[in-house]
Protein backbone atom coordinates (compact mmCIF):
# COMPACT_ATOMS: atom_id res chain seq x y z
CA LEU A 1 -215.93 -23.47 109.36
CA LEU A 2 -213.82 -22.28 112.28
CA ARG A 3 -212.90 -25.84 113.14
CA SER A 4 -212.02 -26.67 109.54
CA GLY A 5 -209.53 -23.81 109.22
CA HIS A 6 -211.58 -22.15 106.48
CA PHE A 7 -210.95 -18.64 107.85
CA ASN A 8 -207.35 -19.10 108.91
CA GLN A 9 -205.64 -20.91 106.07
CA PHE A 10 -202.50 -18.81 106.54
CA GLU A 11 -202.61 -18.44 110.35
CA SER A 12 -203.02 -21.89 111.79
CA GLY A 13 -204.58 -21.92 115.25
CA VAL A 14 -205.55 -18.24 115.30
CA PHE A 15 -209.13 -19.14 116.31
CA ASP A 16 -208.25 -21.92 118.75
CA ASP A 17 -208.93 -19.72 121.79
CA VAL A 18 -212.27 -18.59 120.34
CA MET A 19 -213.34 -22.18 119.74
CA ALA A 20 -212.15 -23.26 123.19
CA GLY A 21 -214.17 -20.46 124.77
CA LEU A 22 -217.32 -21.22 122.78
CA LEU A 23 -217.15 -24.92 123.53
CA SER A 24 -216.22 -24.61 127.19
CA PRO A 25 -218.83 -26.06 129.58
CA SER A 26 -218.39 -22.93 131.71
CA GLU A 27 -219.02 -20.46 128.85
CA PRO A 28 -221.20 -17.91 130.71
CA TRP A 29 -223.15 -16.43 127.78
CA LEU A 30 -224.25 -19.77 126.27
CA THR A 31 -223.39 -18.34 122.86
CA LEU A 32 -224.00 -21.58 120.98
CA ALA A 33 -227.02 -22.70 123.00
CA ASP A 34 -229.55 -21.20 120.59
CA LEU A 35 -227.51 -21.43 117.39
CA SER A 36 -230.03 -23.77 115.78
CA SER A 37 -232.92 -21.37 116.54
CA PHE A 38 -230.84 -18.46 115.24
CA ALA A 39 -230.18 -20.29 111.96
CA THR A 40 -233.90 -21.08 111.57
CA VAL A 41 -234.93 -17.46 112.12
CA GLN A 42 -232.17 -16.26 109.79
CA ARG A 43 -233.59 -18.46 107.01
CA GLU A 44 -237.09 -17.08 107.74
CA ALA A 45 -235.76 -13.51 107.56
CA ALA A 46 -234.03 -14.25 104.24
CA ALA A 47 -237.29 -15.66 102.85
CA ALA A 48 -239.23 -12.57 103.98
CA TYR A 49 -236.57 -10.26 102.48
CA ALA A 50 -236.95 -12.05 99.15
CA GLU A 51 -240.59 -10.82 99.06
CA PRO A 52 -240.29 -6.98 98.93
CA GLU A 53 -243.95 -6.22 99.77
CA ARG A 54 -243.93 -8.61 102.73
CA TRP A 55 -240.59 -7.20 103.92
CA LEU A 56 -241.93 -3.64 103.70
CA ARG A 57 -245.04 -4.53 105.76
CA MET A 58 -242.93 -6.29 108.37
CA SER A 59 -240.44 -3.40 108.50
CA ILE A 60 -243.17 -0.83 109.04
CA ALA A 61 -244.86 -2.94 111.72
CA ASN A 62 -241.54 -3.52 113.47
CA THR A 63 -240.70 0.20 113.44
CA ALA A 64 -244.15 1.09 114.77
CA ALA A 65 -243.81 -1.45 117.58
CA SER A 66 -240.38 -0.20 118.63
CA GLY A 67 -241.76 2.90 120.35
CA ARG A 68 -241.61 1.25 123.77
CA PHE A 69 -237.89 0.63 123.37
CA SER A 70 -235.69 3.42 124.60
CA SER A 71 -232.16 3.06 125.82
CA ASP A 72 -232.94 5.47 128.66
CA ARG A 73 -235.95 3.38 129.70
CA ALA A 74 -234.02 0.13 129.37
CA ILE A 75 -231.08 1.41 131.41
CA GLY A 76 -233.45 2.81 134.03
CA GLU A 77 -235.17 -0.57 134.32
CA TYR A 78 -231.83 -2.40 134.58
CA ASN A 79 -230.86 -0.02 137.35
CA ASP A 80 -234.15 -0.38 139.22
CA GLU A 81 -234.30 -4.17 138.88
CA ILE A 82 -230.63 -5.18 138.94
CA TRP A 83 -228.00 -2.55 139.64
CA GLY A 84 -229.70 -0.31 142.24
CA LEU A 85 -227.25 2.56 141.67
CA THR A 86 -227.84 5.96 143.22
CA THR A 87 -226.72 9.46 142.32
CA GLN A 88 -226.34 12.07 145.06
CA GLY A 89 -228.52 9.99 147.34
CA ALA A 90 -231.35 9.56 144.83
CA ALA A 91 -232.14 6.40 142.90
CA VAL A 92 -231.18 6.53 139.22
CA SER A 93 -234.24 5.92 137.09
CA ALA A 94 -235.46 6.78 133.60
């Protein structure tokens, strides 16, 4: 749709830089590399949402399983494994 001009009927070329970045062989985040997988999972999510009882079960299970996630823990792990920052001579860790 970006290529076709669907979103920029009155501003020709406004997304040219976006498209060039996404399609560049040196695009560092590989944004489009898993687009097909994303579309598949999006269809699966839409199908689950169409079944309220199934969606409720999945939502509860997902919420219960999210306990391990914490931004403090995640940032601490990034620091320990990647950044290695220190504060006042001590390692920063969650």
